[in-house]
Amino acid sequence: MSVTTSLTWRRSTVRGAAHTVVGLHIADNEEVAMRSTRVIAVLGTTVLAGGLAACGTSGAANEGGETSSLQVMMSPHSITDMIEERLPEFEEATGIDVEITSLNEDQVSQQLRVEFGSGNSETDVFLYRPPQDSAQFVNNAWIADLTDKVEGDAEFDWNDFGAPTREAVTSTEGNVIAVPVATARQMLFYRTDLFAEAGIENVPTTLEELEATAAKLDGDDVAGICLRGQRAQAVTTFGQFLYAFDGDWNDGGAPYGDATIDSPEAIEALEYYGNLVSNYGPDGVLNMSWAECSALFSQGKLAMYIEGDDRWPEFTDPEKSTLTTEQVGYAPSPAKTSVVTPQAFGMAAGSDNPDGAWEFIRWATSKEMAAEMQAAGVMGARDSAWESEQTAEKFPADVVTAVQDGNANGVPYDRPRIVSVGEARDAIGGALVTAIEGGDVAAAAKTANEAFQQLIDSEKTEFGLE
């Protein structure tokens, strides 16, 4: 095979509200517009020794020495950049030609649904968003069971992924359906200078302390805190407060358990969230998602802000913020954070090359690749990556500490885990709006619970989950 590389790669513009860290999108399924391109990478020359040391050629070459191939679907961001850069090493070590289809995240979801639903798919491996897509992929048996592969490979070291992260990609039947590449938690961002001026020596670690601190720092020019208030968008931020009050979306935390949005715990969480935001949040909070709250924090108009930890670089970036590194602090959320997997590699259940597909996933999510991705700003899924030299050089120490705390103790989901998650978020978001407005929270929670239960019952019938 000739040593050539044929690449057509266009950087694209993202509209709307999708979280980003060095181009990594986290999960709120807003409108996204990107051009689709095709990337075909052919054999290169350098071998990454560590990540490929155990990559054999079983399943890679056909009889007669012909080279096999893989079809991989991904989205253009820093994870893809790193894989594309290193891809010749994988191909040389395994003899597998890899063809990457590059689509934006929404298009990946849509394309996979079309391909898998029609039973006419050539995709072997795909980088996807488990919070949005896992329910449908599992319910329709579109995604392969990787349990034997991840648990039977000592060198791969499945336990290097924290327990919540492993659970996030494990089905209710106990099957591992994907390997995480990135993780995200909720983090408390706070103004160290305002804390000092107010004589506040300790960062809040409980909900009582959070409310008291917000009250002390709230003023005419600076709001005490900002949390999302925009209906459906607020639900993933609310999750950590729901868990902190020992509530959950469903009975027993089961994806299709009975809805529990009107439980005493959930009502208490809704009331706390509503009071905190309405009493100490900025004006117009009902119209605010992460973009609006982030802008206010960057402009110096918030004392505290709880949001996805991937936002941390922008708050001290002089091109995006008025704040400096001396003014911004990072800490674990005083609530009970979620740990979600915004990006993970799955294998198509109908792949024609499952051995080659696993070799690719194994390589792309290896310890060595995970550490290199940290250097590019990816908030990775492996515990070892957070202890690497690359992490120490890239991330502030307090960010690392907060991430490690969340990875060890977080809840592995931040929203209902059903196919109709958008409709569920909208229903639950209605109760959040009522709480912020100071309305009848119990009545709103009952209405939300009934709507959520209807979605659960409909899907249980559709997918035979009775």
Protein backbone atom coordinates (compact mmCIF):
# COMPACT_ATOMS: atom_id res chain seq x y z
CA MET A 1 0.00 0.00 0.00
CA SER A 2 1.32 3.42 -0.86
CA VAL A 3 2.19 5.83 1.89
CA THR A 4 -0.27 8.62 1.15
CA THR A 5 -2.85 10.65 2.98
CA SER A 6 -5.88 12.12 1.30
CA LEU A 7 -7.71 14.54 3.53
CA THR A 8 -10.54 17.00 3.09
CA TRP A 9 -11.35 18.64 6.40
CA ARG A 10 -13.31 21.82 6.96
CA ARG A 11 -13.63 23.58 10.26
CA SER A 12 -17.26 24.38 10.77
CA THR A 13 -19.29 26.94 12.63
CA VAL A 14 -21.60 25.93 15.47
CA ARG A 15 -24.79 27.87 16.09
CA GLY A 16 -26.79 27.76 19.28
CA ALA A 17 -25.98 26.24 22.65
CA ALA A 18 -23.80 23.19 22.60
CA HIS A 19 -21.14 23.05 25.32
CA THR A 20 -17.60 23.15 24.00
CA VAL A 21 -14.14 22.46 25.29
CA VAL A 22 -11.64 22.79 22.50
CA GLY A 23 -14.45 21.87 20.16
CA LEU A 24 -15.98 19.12 22.31
CA HIS A 25 -19.76 19.29 22.41
CA ILE A 26 -21.49 18.23 25.55
CA ALA A 27 -24.98 17.56 25.23
CA ASP A 28 -27.82 19.89 25.14
CA ASN A 29 -28.95 19.08 21.63
CA GLU A 30 -29.37 22.66 20.46
CA GLU A 31 -29.50 23.65 16.81
CA VAL A 32 -26.15 22.90 15.20
CA ALA A 33 -25.07 23.71 11.67
CA MET A 34 -21.95 22.20 10.14
CA ARG A 35 -20.84 21.01 6.77
CA SER A 36 -20.40 17.28 6.36
CA THR A 37 -17.13 16.05 4.98
CA ARG A 38 -15.48 12.74 4.30
CA VAL A 39 -12.08 11.91 5.69
CA ILE A 40 -10.12 9.03 4.21
CA ALA A 41 -6.86 8.29 6.00
CA VAL A 42 -4.39 5.86 4.49
CA LEU A 43 -1.25 4.20 5.75
CA GLY A 44 1.43 6.20 7.56
CA THR A 45 4.78 5.32 9.08
CA THR A 46 5.07 6.08 12.81
CA VAL A 47 3.92 3.69 15.53
CA LEU A 48 2.70 4.83 18.96
CA ALA A 49 4.33 2.06 20.94
CA GLY A 50 2.29 2.12 24.16
CA GLY A 51 -1.22 2.35 22.75
CA LEU A 52 -0.56 -0.24 20.05
CA ALA A 53 1.68 -2.64 21.91
CA ALA A 54 -1.08 -5.20 22.27
CA CYS A 55 -2.86 -4.52 18.99
CA GLY A 56 -2.57 -7.74 17.07
CA THR A 57 -3.63 -8.47 13.55
CA SER A 58 -6.30 -11.04 14.32
CA GLY A 59 -9.36 -9.99 12.43
CA ALA A 60 -7.34 -7.32 10.63
CA ALA A 61 -6.20 -9.14 7.54
CA ASN A 62 -8.23 -11.42 5.32
CA GLU A 63 -6.90 -14.64 3.85
CA GLY A 64 -4.35 -14.02 1.14
CA GLY A 65 -2.95 -11.00 2.96
CA GLU A 66 -5.62 -8.55 1.86
CA THR A 67 -6.12 -5.64 4.20
CA SER A 68 -9.50 -5.24 5.90
CA SER A 69 -11.25 -1.94 6.46
CA LEU A 70 -13.39 -0.11 8.98
CA GLN A 71 -16.07 2.51 8.57
CA VAL A 72 -15.98 4.98 11.48
CA MET A 73 -18.42 7.83 12.03
CA MET A 74 -17.34 10.81 14.15
CA SER A 75 -17.86 14.54 14.65
CA PRO A 76 -15.23 17.24 14.07
CA HIS A 77 -13.67 18.28 17.38
CA SER A 78 -10.49 17.74 19.36
CA ILE A 79 -11.07 14.02 19.92
CA THR A 80 -11.34 13.49 16.18
CA ASP A 81 -8.31 15.70 15.56
CA MET A 82 -6.14 13.54 17.82
CA ILE A 83 -7.39 10.29 16.32
CA GLU A 84 -6.92 11.54 12.77
CA GLU A 85 -3.37 12.67 13.59
CA ARG A 86 -2.46 9.28 15.08
CA LEU A 87 -4.47 7.12 12.70
CA PRO A 88 -1.56 6.09 10.42
CA GLU A 89 0.06 4.47 13.45
CA PHE A 90 -2.99 2.32 14.05
CA GLU A 91 -3.27 1.36 10.40
CA GLU A 92 0.37 0.38 10.14
CA ALA A 93 0.24 -1.71 13.31
CA THR A 94 -2.96 -3.56 12.41
CA GLY A 95 -3.18 -3.54 8.62
CA ILE A 96 -6.67 -2.06 8.84
CA ASP A 97 -7.67 0.82 6.58
CA VAL A 98 -9.97 3.24 8.38
CA GLU A 99 -12.43 5.49 6.60
CA ILE A 100 -13.89 8.25 8.76
CA THR A 101 -17.19 9.91 7.99
CA SER A 102 -17.29 13.34 9.63
CA LEU A 103 -20.71 14.78 10.51
CA ASN A 104 -21.84 17.16 13.21
CA GLU A 105 -23.19 15.53 16.36
CA ASP A 106 -26.87 15.89 15.53
CA GLN A 107 -26.24 14.49 12.06
CA VAL A 108 -24.36 11.51 13.51
CA SER A 109 -27.41 10.68 15.61
CA GLN A 110 -29.77 11.13 12.68
CA GLN A 111 -27.62 9.18 10.22
CA LEU A 112 -27.16 6.25 12.57
CA ARG A 113 -30.90 6.08 13.20
CA VAL A 114 -31.55 5.99 9.47
CA GLU A 115 -28.86 3.38 8.78
CA PHE A 116 -29.64 1.10 11.70
CA GLY A 117 -33.40 1.50 11.34
CA SER A 118 -33.27 0.46 7.69
CA GLY A 119 -30.92 -2.44 8.35
CA ASN A 120 -28.62 -1.06 5.67
CA SER A 121 -25.54 0.22 7.47
CA GLU A 122 -21.84 -0.02 6.67
CA THR A 123 -20.76 1.75 9.87
CA ASP A 124 -18.61 -0.35 12.20
CA VAL A 125 -17.64 2.17 14.92
CA PHE A 126 -19.22 5.46 15.90
CA LEU A 127 -18.46 8.27 18.33
CA TYR A 128 -21.79 9.26 19.82
CA ARG A 129 -23.52 10.99 22.74
CA PRO A 130 -24.82 8.39 25.23
CA PRO A 131 -27.15 10.79 27.12
CA GLN A 132 -29.09 11.42 23.91
CA ASP A 133 -28.82 8.17 22.03
CA SER A 134 -28.11 5.15 24.23
CA ALA A 135 -31.75 4.45 25.13
CA GLN A 136 -32.83 4.13 21.51
CA PHE A 137 -29.72 2.23 20.42
CA VAL A 138 -30.10 -0.30 23.24
CA ASN A 139 -33.88 -0.66 22.95
CA ASN A 140 -33.54 -1.43 19.24
CA ALA A 141 -30.49 -3.71 19.66
CA TRP A 142 -28.44 -1.48 17.32
CA ILE A 143 -25.34 -1.34 19.50
CA ALA A 144 -22.99 -4.24 20.28
CA ASP A 145 -22.35 -5.71 23.72
CA LEU A 146 -18.69 -5.01 24.59
CA THR A 147 -18.72 -6.60 28.03
CA ASP A 148 -16.45 -9.55 27.23
CA LYS A 149 -14.01 -7.32 25.38
CA VAL A 150 -13.56 -4.65 28.05
CA GLU A 151 -13.63 -7.04 31.01
CA GLY A 152 -11.54 -9.75 29.40
CA ASP A 153 -8.63 -7.49 28.46
CA ALA A 154 -6.41 -6.91 31.50
CA GLU A 155 -4.09 -4.51 29.69
CA PHE A 156 -7.00 -2.37 28.54
CA ASP A 157 -7.88 -1.97 32.25
CA TRP A 158 -11.62 -1.32 32.32
CA ASN A 159 -11.37 -0.39 36.01
CA ASP A 160 -9.29 2.64 35.03
CA PHE A 161 -12.65 4.18 34.16
CA GLY A 162 -14.37 5.28 37.39
CA ALA A 163 -17.39 3.38 38.64
CA PRO A 164 -19.94 6.10 37.68
CA THR A 165 -18.38 6.35 34.21
CA ARG A 166 -18.60 2.60 33.69
CA GLU A 167 -22.19 2.58 34.90
CA ALA A 168 -23.08 5.38 32.47
CA VAL A 169 -22.39 3.05 29.53
CA THR A 170 -23.85 -0.10 31.06
CA SER A 171 -27.39 -1.16 30.18
CA THR A 172 -29.97 -2.21 32.76
CA GLU A 173 -29.18 -5.81 31.74
CA GLY A 174 -25.56 -5.26 32.80
CA ASN A 175 -24.10 -5.08 29.29
CA VAL A 176 -21.29 -2.61 28.51
CA ILE A 177 -22.46 -0.85 25.35
CA ALA A 178 -19.69 1.71 24.77
CA VAL A 179 -16.28 2.96 25.90
CA PRO A 180 -16.25 6.57 27.14
CA VAL A 181 -13.80 9.09 25.71
CA ALA A 182 -14.89 12.21 27.60
CA THR A 183 -16.72 12.98 30.82
CA ALA A 184 -18.44 16.05 32.25
CA ARG A 185 -19.52 17.08 35.74
CA GLN A 186 -21.10 20.10 37.40
CA MET A 187 -18.61 22.52 38.98
CA LEU A 188 -18.82 25.58 41.20
CA PHE A 189 -17.09 28.60 39.67
CA TYR A 190 -16.64 31.46 42.12
CA ARG A 191 -15.04 34.88 42.45
CA THR A 192 -12.10 34.54 44.82
CA ASP A 193 -11.73 38.33 45.06
CA LEU A 194 -15.35 38.85 46.09
CA PHE A 195 -15.08 36.06 48.66
CA ALA A 196 -12.03 37.76 50.14
CA GLU A 197 -13.68 41.18 50.20
CA ALA A 198 -16.71 39.71 52.00
CA GLY A 199 -14.52 37.86 54.50
CA ILE A 200 -15.66 34.44 53.30
CA GLU A 201 -12.80 32.05 53.98
CA ASN A 202 -14.37 28.74 52.95
CA VAL A 203 -15.95 27.68 49.68
CA PRO A 204 -19.48 26.29 50.27
CA THR A 205 -19.64 22.51 50.42
CA THR A 206 -23.28 22.05 51.45
CA LEU A 207 -26.56 23.42 50.12
CA GLU A 208 -27.08 25.40 53.31
CA GLU A 209 -23.66 27.03 52.88
CA LEU A 210 -24.33 27.67 49.20
CA GLU A 211 -27.53 29.57 49.94
CA ALA A 212 -25.94 31.55 52.78
CA THR A 213 -22.97 32.49 50.61
CA ALA A 214 -25.22 33.55 47.73
CA ALA A 215 -27.22 35.73 50.11
CA LYS A 216 -24.09 37.40 51.49
CA LEU A 217 -22.61 38.14 48.06
CA ASP A 218 -25.80 39.18 46.29
CA GLY A 219 -25.93 42.89 45.48
CA ASP A 220 -27.10 45.53 43.05
CA ASP A 221 -24.23 45.07 40.62
CA VAL A 222 -23.37 41.41 41.18
CA ALA A 223 -25.85 38.56 41.58
CA GLY A 224 -25.08 35.99 44.24
CA ILE A 225 -25.39 33.01 41.90
CA CYS A 226 -26.61 31.89 38.51
CA LEU A 227 -28.16 28.54 37.64
CA ARG A 228 -29.97 27.75 34.42
CA GLY A 229 -33.57 28.94 34.48
CA GLN A 230 -34.62 28.26 30.91
CA ARG A 231 -37.24 25.49 31.07
CA ALA A 232 -35.85 22.31 29.41
CA GLN A 233 -32.23 23.52 29.56
CA ALA A 234 -32.43 23.88 33.35
CA VAL A 235 -33.22 20.20 33.89
CA THR A 236 -29.66 18.91 33.57
CA THR A 237 -28.46 21.52 36.08
CA PHE A 238 -31.34 20.69 38.41
CA GLY A 239 -30.40 16.99 38.46
CA GLN A 240 -27.58 17.46 40.98
CA PHE A 241 -29.99 19.17 43.40
CA LEU A 242 -32.56 16.42 42.92
CA TYR A 243 -29.91 13.84 43.87
CA ALA A 244 -28.72 15.95 46.82
CA PHE A 245 -32.23 15.74 48.30
CA ASP A 246 -32.19 11.95 47.75
CA GLY A 247 -34.58 12.19 44.83
CA ASP A 248 -34.40 10.78 41.31
CA TRP A 249 -36.28 10.94 38.04
CA ASN A 250 -37.60 7.40 38.39
CA ASP A 251 -38.40 4.97 41.18
CA GLY A 252 -35.21 3.24 42.26
CA GLY A 253 -33.20 5.19 39.68
CA ALA A 254 -34.28 2.73 36.98
CA PRO A 255 -34.59 4.29 33.49
CA TYR A 256 -38.14 2.98 33.07
CA GLY A 257 -39.17 2.97 36.71
CA ASP A 258 -42.27 4.92 37.67
CA ALA A 259 -41.84 8.69 37.48
CA THR A 260 -41.00 10.32 40.83
CA ILE A 261 -40.94 14.02 39.97
CA ASP A 262 -43.75 14.61 42.49
CA SER A 263 -42.04 12.76 45.36
CA PRO A 264 -41.45 14.71 48.62
CA GLU A 265 -37.72 14.72 47.85
CA ALA A 266 -38.22 16.09 44.35
CA ILE A 267 -40.62 18.78 45.53
CA GLU A 268 -38.12 19.86 48.19
CA ALA A 269 -35.37 20.02 45.56
CA LEU A 270 -37.60 22.04 43.22
CA GLU A 271 -38.42 24.50 45.99
CA TYR A 272 -34.77 24.90 46.96
CA TYR A 273 -33.69 25.47 43.35
CA GLY A 274 -36.50 27.95 42.71
CA ASN A 275 -35.81 29.95 45.86
CA LEU A 276 -32.06 30.07 45.27
CA VAL A 277 -32.41 31.29 41.71
CA SER A 278 -35.26 33.72 42.30
CA ASN A 279 -33.78 35.26 45.45
CA TYR A 280 -30.11 35.53 44.47
CA GLY A 281 -29.99 35.04 40.70
CA PRO A 282 -29.77 37.67 37.96
CA ASP A 283 -32.77 39.40 36.44
CA GLY A 284 -34.29 37.49 33.53
CA VAL A 285 -33.00 34.12 34.70
CA LEU A 286 -36.00 32.31 33.20
CA ASN A 287 -34.52 33.08 29.79
CA MET A 288 -31.04 31.91 30.70
CA SER A 289 -29.24 28.71 29.80
CA TRP A 290 -25.48 28.10 30.01
CA ALA A 291 -24.61 30.70 27.36
CA GLU A 292 -26.29 33.60 29.14
CA CYS A 293 -25.06 32.66 32.62
CA SER A 294 -21.53 32.11 31.32
CA ALA A 295 -21.53 35.53 29.69
CA LEU A 296 -22.59 37.18 32.95
CA PHE A 297 -19.87 35.40 34.91
CA SER A 298 -17.25 36.40 32.34
CA GLN A 299 -18.44 40.01 32.60
CA GLY A 300 -17.92 40.01 36.37
CA LYS A 301 -21.65 40.16 37.17
CA LEU A 302 -21.91 36.92 39.15
CA ALA A 303 -20.30 35.86 42.43
CA MET A 304 -20.94 32.15 41.86
CA TYR A 305 -22.03 29.97 38.99
CA ILE A 306 -22.67 26.21 38.79
CA GLU A 307 -22.30 24.73 35.32
CA GLY A 308 -20.56 21.99 33.37
CA ASP A 309 -16.86 21.87 34.22
CA ASP A 310 -15.89 22.11 30.55
CA ARG A 311 -16.53 25.85 30.76
CA TRP A 312 -13.49 26.51 32.94
CA PRO A 313 -11.01 27.77 30.26
CA GLU A 314 -13.15 30.63 29.00
CA PHE A 315 -13.54 32.46 32.31
CA THR A 316 -9.92 33.56 32.41
CA ASP A 317 -9.40 33.84 28.66
CA PRO A 318 -8.67 37.53 27.99
CA GLU A 319 -10.41 37.28 24.62
CA LYS A 320 -13.62 36.05 26.23
CA SER A 321 -13.62 37.32 29.79
CA THR A 322 -12.91 40.40 31.90
CA LEU A 323 -11.68 38.17 34.74
CA THR A 324 -8.15 36.98 35.51
CA THR A 325 -6.81 33.74 36.92
CA GLU A 326 -6.46 35.46 40.31
CA GLN A 327 -10.20 36.19 40.39
CA VAL A 328 -11.66 32.78 39.51
CA GLY A 329 -11.83 29.72 41.72
CA TYR A 330 -13.00 26.17 41.02
CA ALA A 331 -14.60 23.69 43.42
CA PRO A 332 -16.88 20.64 43.43
CA SER A 333 -20.58 21.44 43.29
CA PRO A 334 -22.09 21.61 46.79
CA ALA A 335 -24.97 19.54 45.41
CA LYS A 336 -24.47 15.94 44.20
CA THR A 337 -22.93 16.22 40.76
CA SER A 338 -23.65 14.00 37.82
CA VAL A 339 -20.88 12.40 35.77
CA VAL A 340 -22.03 12.07 32.18
CA THR A 341 -20.25 10.70 29.14
CA PRO A 342 -20.81 13.24 26.37
CA GLN A 343 -18.68 11.22 23.93
CA ALA A 344 -18.17 7.46 23.76
CA PHE A 345 -17.26 4.89 21.14
CA GLY A 346 -19.85 2.29 20.28
CA MET A 347 -19.72 -0.65 17.90
CA ALA A 348 -22.54 -1.39 15.50
CA ALA A 349 -24.27 -4.66 16.35
CA GLY A 350 -24.20 -5.54 12.65
CA SER A 351 -20.53 -4.74 12.05
CA ASP A 352 -18.86 -6.97 9.46
CA ASN A 353 -15.52 -6.58 11.24
CA PRO A 354 -16.13 -6.73 15.01
CA ASP A 355 -12.55 -7.77 15.79
CA GLY A 356 -11.13 -4.85 13.84
CA ALA A 357 -13.74 -2.52 15.35
CA TRP A 358 -12.69 -3.51 18.85
CA GLU A 359 -9.01 -3.00 18.00
CA PHE A 360 -9.84 0.53 16.89
CA ILE A 361 -11.89 1.32 20.01
CA ARG A 362 -9.23 -0.26 22.22
CA TRP A 363 -6.53 1.90 20.64
CA ALA A 364 -8.54 5.14 20.54
CA THR A 365 -9.45 4.87 24.23
CA SER A 366 -6.12 3.50 25.50
CA LYS A 367 -4.30 5.04 28.45
CA GLU A 368 -1.72 6.59 26.15
CA MET A 369 -4.32 8.19 23.87
CA ALA A 370 -6.34 9.39 26.84
CA ALA A 371 -3.30 11.19 28.28
CA GLU A 372 -2.52 12.81 24.93
CA MET A 373 -6.11 13.99 24.59
CA GLN A 374 -5.88 15.68 28.00
CA ALA A 375 -3.10 17.83 26.56
CA ALA A 376 -5.57 18.98 23.90
CA GLY A 377 -8.12 19.97 26.53
CA VAL A 378 -10.36 16.89 26.41
CA MET A 379 -11.78 16.15 29.84
CA GLY A 380 -11.14 12.45 29.60
CA ALA A 381 -12.78 9.36 31.02
CA ARG A 382 -9.80 7.45 32.43
CA ASP A 383 -8.71 8.01 36.01
CA SER A 384 -5.07 7.57 35.02
CA ALA A 385 -5.38 10.42 32.52
CA TRP A 386 -6.27 12.80 35.34
CA GLU A 387 -3.04 11.87 37.08
CA SER A 388 -0.88 12.32 33.99
CA GLU A 389 1.79 14.88 33.30
CA GLN A 390 -0.29 16.23 30.41
CA THR A 391 -3.16 16.98 32.79
CA ALA A 392 -0.91 18.74 35.30
CA GLU A 393 0.38 20.99 32.54
CA LYS A 394 -3.03 21.77 31.03
CA PHE A 395 -5.51 22.01 33.91
CA PRO A 396 -5.53 24.10 37.13
CA ALA A 397 -5.02 21.96 40.22
CA ASP A 398 -8.43 22.87 41.68
CA VAL A 399 -10.14 21.83 38.44
CA VAL A 400 -8.40 18.45 38.61
CA THR A 401 -9.41 17.99 42.25
CA ALA A 402 -13.05 18.80 41.49
CA VAL A 403 -13.07 16.45 38.51
CA GLN A 404 -11.59 13.59 40.50
CA ASP A 405 -14.12 14.12 43.28
CA GLY A 406 -16.97 14.00 40.78
CA ASN A 407 -15.56 10.97 38.98
CA ALA A 408 -15.44 9.05 42.24
CA ASN A 409 -18.77 10.10 43.72
CA GLY A 410 -21.04 11.39 40.97
CA VAL A 411 -24.34 10.06 39.62
CA PRO A 412 -23.89 8.61 36.11
CA TYR A 413 -26.76 10.52 34.48
CA ASP A 414 -28.03 14.10 34.54
CA ARG A 415 -31.46 13.66 32.93
CA PRO A 416 -34.16 11.05 32.35
CA ARG A 417 -32.84 8.07 30.39
CA ILE A 418 -35.57 7.46 27.83
CA VAL A 419 -35.72 7.93 24.08
CA SER A 420 -38.09 10.89 24.41
CA VAL A 421 -35.67 12.73 26.67
CA GLY A 422 -36.42 16.08 25.04
CA GLU A 423 -40.11 15.81 25.84
CA ALA A 424 -39.31 14.64 29.36
CA ARG A 425 -37.03 17.61 29.95
CA ASP A 426 -39.68 20.00 28.71
CA ALA A 427 -42.27 18.54 31.07
CA ILE A 428 -39.98 18.63 34.10
CA GLY A 429 -38.73 22.06 33.10
CA GLY A 430 -42.26 23.34 33.50
CA ALA A 431 -42.12 22.51 37.20
CA LEU A 432 -38.77 24.30 37.50
CA VAL A 433 -40.21 27.43 35.91
CA THR A 434 -43.10 27.34 38.38
CA ALA A 435 -40.64 26.97 41.28
CA ILE A 436 -38.58 29.96 40.13
CA GLU A 437 -41.74 32.03 39.68
CA GLY A 438 -42.87 31.15 43.21
CA GLY A 439 -45.96 29.23 42.13
CA ASP A 440 -47.57 26.03 43.39
CA VAL A 441 -44.62 23.66 43.18
CA ALA A 442 -46.49 20.56 44.33
CA ALA A 443 -49.17 21.02 41.67
CA ALA A 444 -46.59 21.71 38.96
CA ALA A 445 -44.59 18.65 40.02
CA LYS A 446 -47.72 16.50 39.77
CA THR A 447 -48.42 17.78 36.25
CA ALA A 448 -44.81 17.15 35.21
CA ASN A 449 -44.87 13.70 36.74
CA GLU A 450 -48.02 12.71 34.86
CA ALA A 451 -46.54 13.85 31.55
CA PHE A 452 -43.26 12.04 32.24
CA GLN A 453 -45.11 8.87 33.23
CA GLN A 454 -47.02 8.89 29.96
CA LEU A 455 -43.72 8.98 28.07
CA ILE A 456 -42.36 6.10 30.15
CA ASP A 457 -45.48 3.98 29.62
CA SER A 458 -45.50 4.67 25.88
CA GLU A 459 -41.90 3.54 25.45
CA LYS A 460 -42.34 0.48 27.64
CA THR A 461 -45.14 -0.59 25.32
CA GLU A 462 -43.25 0.34 22.15
CA PHE A 463 -40.10 -1.56 23.11
CA GLY A 464 -41.73 -4.43 24.99
CA LEU A 465 -40.32 -3.44 28.36
CA GLU A 466 -43.37 -4.35 30.42
